[in-house]
Amino acid sequence: MYEELKEILVDELQVRAEDVAPTAGREEVGLDSLAAVELAALLSGRYGVRIHDYEVLEADTVADVAELLAERRAPASDRAPGTPAAPAPGVS
């Protein structure tokens, strides 16, 4: 999931590839609040899961965002008990 996220950051948000590392913080890759909104929308649209901009902003590292995305994409059987799946955008 990290490699896919890196590709999105580089191709869609014009982050320099050399700035993206699993341990890089959002400031290091230039994810301000506007970029977080854009990234959340890109991830939600591309993968059919709901990820909010505040979740991107709360993530400490790029790896944390990738982990969040992986968790949201995981089938129900792979999630920890009691962890609901986030509905796709527009689904109530």
Protein backbone atom coordinates (compact mmCIF):
# COMPACT_ATOMS: atom_id res chain seq x y z
CA MET A 1 0.00 0.00 0.00
CA TYR A 2 2.91 2.34 0.69
CA GLU A 3 4.12 2.16 -2.92
CA GLU A 4 0.65 2.95 -4.23
CA LEU A 5 0.38 5.90 -1.85
CA LYS A 6 3.82 7.12 -2.88
CA GLU A 7 2.76 6.97 -6.53
CA ILE A 8 -0.33 9.07 -5.76
CA LEU A 9 1.70 11.61 -3.81
CA VAL A 10 4.23 11.95 -6.61
CA ASP A 11 1.91 11.76 -9.64
CA GLU A 12 -1.18 13.53 -8.34
CA LEU A 13 0.12 15.94 -5.69
CA GLN A 14 3.52 16.65 -7.28
CA VAL A 15 5.50 15.62 -4.19
CA ARG A 16 9.14 14.93 -5.02
CA ALA A 17 9.77 11.18 -4.96
CA GLU A 18 12.92 11.63 -2.90
CA ASP A 19 10.86 13.36 -0.18
CA VAL A 20 8.50 10.41 0.23
CA ALA A 21 9.64 7.79 2.73
CA PRO A 22 7.66 5.62 5.14
CA THR A 23 8.96 7.61 8.10
CA ALA A 24 8.46 11.05 6.50
CA GLY A 25 6.01 13.29 8.31
CA ARG A 26 3.30 15.12 6.44
CA GLU A 27 5.21 18.39 6.69
CA GLU A 28 8.23 16.75 5.06
CA VAL A 29 6.17 15.79 2.03
CA GLY A 30 4.25 19.07 1.93
CA LEU A 31 0.86 17.83 3.07
CA ASP A 32 -0.80 20.95 4.38
CA SER A 33 -4.51 21.04 5.13
CA LEU A 34 -5.48 21.70 1.50
CA ALA A 35 -3.29 18.84 0.23
CA ALA A 36 -4.78 16.58 2.93
CA VAL A 37 -8.27 17.32 1.59
CA GLU A 38 -7.11 16.53 -1.94
CA LEU A 39 -5.33 13.33 -0.88
CA ALA A 40 -8.34 12.12 1.12
CA ALA A 41 -10.58 12.70 -1.89
CA LEU A 42 -8.15 10.93 -4.23
CA LEU A 43 -7.84 7.91 -1.94
CA SER A 44 -11.59 7.74 -1.33
CA GLY A 45 -12.37 7.96 -5.03
CA ARG A 46 -9.69 5.59 -6.20
CA TYR A 47 -10.23 2.86 -3.61
CA GLY A 48 -13.92 3.28 -2.78
CA VAL A 49 -13.34 3.82 0.93
CA ARG A 50 -14.01 6.78 3.16
CA ILE A 51 -10.94 8.56 4.41
CA HIS A 52 -11.32 12.03 5.88
CA ASP A 53 -8.84 14.85 5.59
CA TYR A 54 -8.56 15.05 9.38
CA GLU A 55 -7.40 11.43 9.42
CA VAL A 56 -4.64 12.29 6.96
CA LEU A 57 -3.68 15.27 9.10
CA GLU A 58 -3.63 13.13 12.26
CA ALA A 59 -1.30 10.55 10.70
CA ASP A 60 2.27 10.99 11.92
CA THR A 61 3.98 9.50 8.86
CA VAL A 62 3.39 8.47 5.27
CA ALA A 63 3.42 4.86 6.51
CA ASP A 64 0.57 5.70 8.89
CA VAL A 65 -1.53 6.99 5.98
CA ALA A 66 -0.72 3.83 4.02
CA GLU A 67 -1.71 1.70 7.01
CA LEU A 68 -5.00 3.58 7.36
CA LEU A 69 -5.73 2.98 3.70
CA ALA A 70 -4.83 -0.71 3.99
CA GLU A 71 -7.14 -1.09 6.99
CA ARG A 72 -10.02 0.53 5.15
CA ARG A 73 -9.48 -1.69 2.13
CA ALA A 74 -9.25 -4.89 4.18
CA PRO A 75 -12.14 -7.36 3.95
CA ALA A 76 -14.27 -7.57 7.09
CA SER A 77 -12.70 -10.92 8.00
CA ASP A 78 -9.25 -9.27 8.18
CA ARG A 79 -10.25 -6.38 10.45
CA ALA A 80 -10.03 -6.51 14.20
CA PRO A 81 -13.33 -7.45 15.87
CA GLY A 82 -15.54 -4.44 16.38
CA THR A 83 -13.81 -2.38 13.70
CA PRO A 84 -16.46 -1.29 11.21
CA ALA A 85 -15.70 -0.72 7.58
CA ALA A 86 -16.07 2.83 6.46
CA PRO A 87 -18.70 3.14 3.76
CA ALA A 88 -17.77 4.36 0.35
CA PRO A 89 -18.33 8.06 -0.28
CA GLY A 90 -21.98 8.92 -0.74
CA VAL A 91 -23.15 5.77 1.08
CA SER A 92 -25.03 6.24 4.33
